[in-house]
């Protein structure tokens, strides 16, 4: 069975909502980040449910979070990235997204 995962420079999320999420994280753009989400979006980090707004503020926006995408599933909704912020440094992470009506309604992240 062939591995259809996109790797390296080709590793860009094919799903527009996920691509917007990644771009917003990397730009430090809170407005674009929350616009990429549904109003009732949820998330978990390492299997623990988190308050999305406080998590995003702490893990992304107040700590210069950045995602270097390494590989992406064919549907663009699961990716592996080196995630870096000023609190924890760099770590290899897995991200899985649920998209509803063109917006991210849930994401799950954790160490890969």
Protein backbone atom coordinates (compact mmCIF):
# COMPACT_ATOMS: atom_id res chain seq x y z
CA UNK A 1 0.00 0.00 0.00
CA UNK A 2 1.41 3.36 -1.01
CA UNK A 3 1.93 6.10 1.56
CA UNK A 4 0.11 9.17 0.22
CA UNK A 5 1.35 11.43 3.02
CA UNK A 6 2.88 14.67 1.73
CA UNK A 7 6.33 15.35 3.15
CA UNK A 8 8.93 18.10 3.04
CA UNK A 9 8.21 21.24 1.04
CA UNK A 10 5.08 19.64 -0.42
CA UNK A 11 3.69 19.29 3.10
CA UNK A 12 1.06 21.99 3.02
CA UNK A 13 -2.45 21.33 4.34
CA UNK A 14 -4.83 20.75 1.43
CA UNK A 15 -7.84 21.66 3.55
CA UNK A 16 -8.34 25.45 3.35
CA UNK A 17 -9.52 25.75 6.99
CA UNK A 18 -6.44 23.90 8.26
CA UNK A 19 -4.16 25.95 5.99
CA UNK A 20 -5.71 29.16 7.40
CA UNK A 21 -5.21 27.84 10.96
CA UNK A 22 -1.51 27.11 10.33
CA UNK A 23 -0.95 30.47 8.61
CA UNK A 24 -2.64 32.32 11.48
CA UNK A 25 -0.52 30.52 14.08
CA UNK A 26 2.67 31.29 12.17
CA UNK A 27 1.71 34.95 11.71
CA UNK A 28 0.74 35.34 15.37
CA UNK A 29 -2.61 36.61 14.08
CA UNK A 30 -5.26 36.04 16.77
CA UNK A 31 -8.05 37.50 14.67
CA UNK A 32 -7.35 35.17 11.72
CA UNK A 33 -6.86 32.23 14.10
CA UNK A 34 -10.25 32.62 15.75
CA UNK A 35 -11.89 33.37 12.38
CA UNK A 36 -10.64 29.96 11.18
CA UNK A 37 -12.56 28.27 14.02
CA UNK A 38 -16.24 27.67 14.58
CA UNK A 39 -17.64 29.72 17.50
CA UNK A 40 -17.97 26.53 19.59
CA UNK A 41 -14.63 24.95 18.61
CA UNK A 42 -12.96 22.60 21.10
CA UNK A 43 -9.49 21.18 21.49
CA UNK A 44 -7.31 18.79 23.44
CA UNK A 45 -3.59 18.79 24.18
CA UNK A 46 -1.90 15.45 24.90
CA UNK A 47 -5.33 13.88 25.42
CA UNK A 48 -6.58 16.46 27.94
CA UNK A 49 -9.45 18.78 27.07
CA UNK A 50 -8.38 22.43 27.31
CA UNK A 51 -10.09 25.80 27.26
CA UNK A 52 -9.24 26.79 23.69
CA UNK A 53 -8.93 30.54 24.24
CA UNK A 54 -6.63 30.30 27.27
CA UNK A 55 -4.60 27.52 25.66
CA UNK A 56 -4.13 29.54 22.45
CA UNK A 57 -3.10 32.62 24.38
CA UNK A 58 -0.57 30.69 26.49
CA UNK A 59 0.77 28.22 23.90
CA UNK A 60 0.63 30.35 20.74
CA UNK A 61 0.15 34.09 21.07
CA UNK A 62 2.00 35.04 24.26
CA UNK A 63 4.84 32.61 23.53
CA UNK A 64 5.52 33.18 19.79
CA UNK A 65 4.18 29.79 18.67
CA UNK A 66 5.23 28.53 15.25
CA UNK A 67 4.43 25.38 13.25
CA UNK A 68 6.92 23.93 10.74
CA UNK A 69 4.77 21.36 8.96
CA UNK A 70 6.67 18.14 8.17
CA UNK A 71 3.98 15.92 6.70
CA UNK A 72 0.27 16.06 5.93
CA UNK A 73 -2.38 13.40 5.34
CA UNK A 74 -3.93 13.32 1.85
CA UNK A 75 -7.11 15.03 3.10
CA UNK A 76 -5.06 17.79 4.75
CA UNK A 77 -6.60 17.26 8.18
CA UNK A 78 -3.83 15.41 10.01
CA UNK A 79 -0.31 16.74 10.15
CA UNK A 80 2.98 16.40 11.92
CA UNK A 81 4.90 19.57 12.69
CA UNK A 82 7.83 20.81 14.68
CA UNK A 83 6.07 23.19 17.04
CA UNK A 84 8.20 25.87 18.67
CA UNK A 85 7.35 28.44 21.30
CA UNK A 86 9.34 30.50 23.79
CA UNK A 87 8.03 28.48 26.75
CA UNK A 88 8.89 24.90 25.73
CA UNK A 89 11.26 25.25 22.79
CA UNK A 90 10.78 22.86 19.86
CA UNK A 91 8.97 19.54 19.83
CA UNK A 92 7.58 17.19 17.21
CA UNK A 93 3.78 17.32 17.39
CA UNK A 94 0.78 15.68 15.75
CA UNK A 95 -2.31 17.72 14.90
CA UNK A 96 -5.70 16.30 13.89
CA UNK A 97 -8.48 18.62 12.74
CA UNK A 98 -12.25 18.29 12.38
CA UNK A 99 -13.65 20.76 9.86
CA UNK A 100 -17.31 21.80 9.78
CA UNK A 101 -18.72 24.19 7.17
CA UNK A 102 -15.25 25.41 6.20
CA UNK A 103 -14.02 26.12 9.75
CA UNK A 104 -12.06 24.10 12.28
CA UNK A 105 -14.54 22.81 14.86
CA UNK A 106 -12.03 20.72 16.80
CA UNK A 107 -8.33 20.09 16.92
CA UNK A 108 -6.31 17.62 18.90
CA UNK A 109 -2.60 18.08 19.37
CA UNK A 110 0.16 16.39 21.30
CA UNK A 111 3.70 15.15 21.05
CA UNK A 112 4.31 12.88 18.08
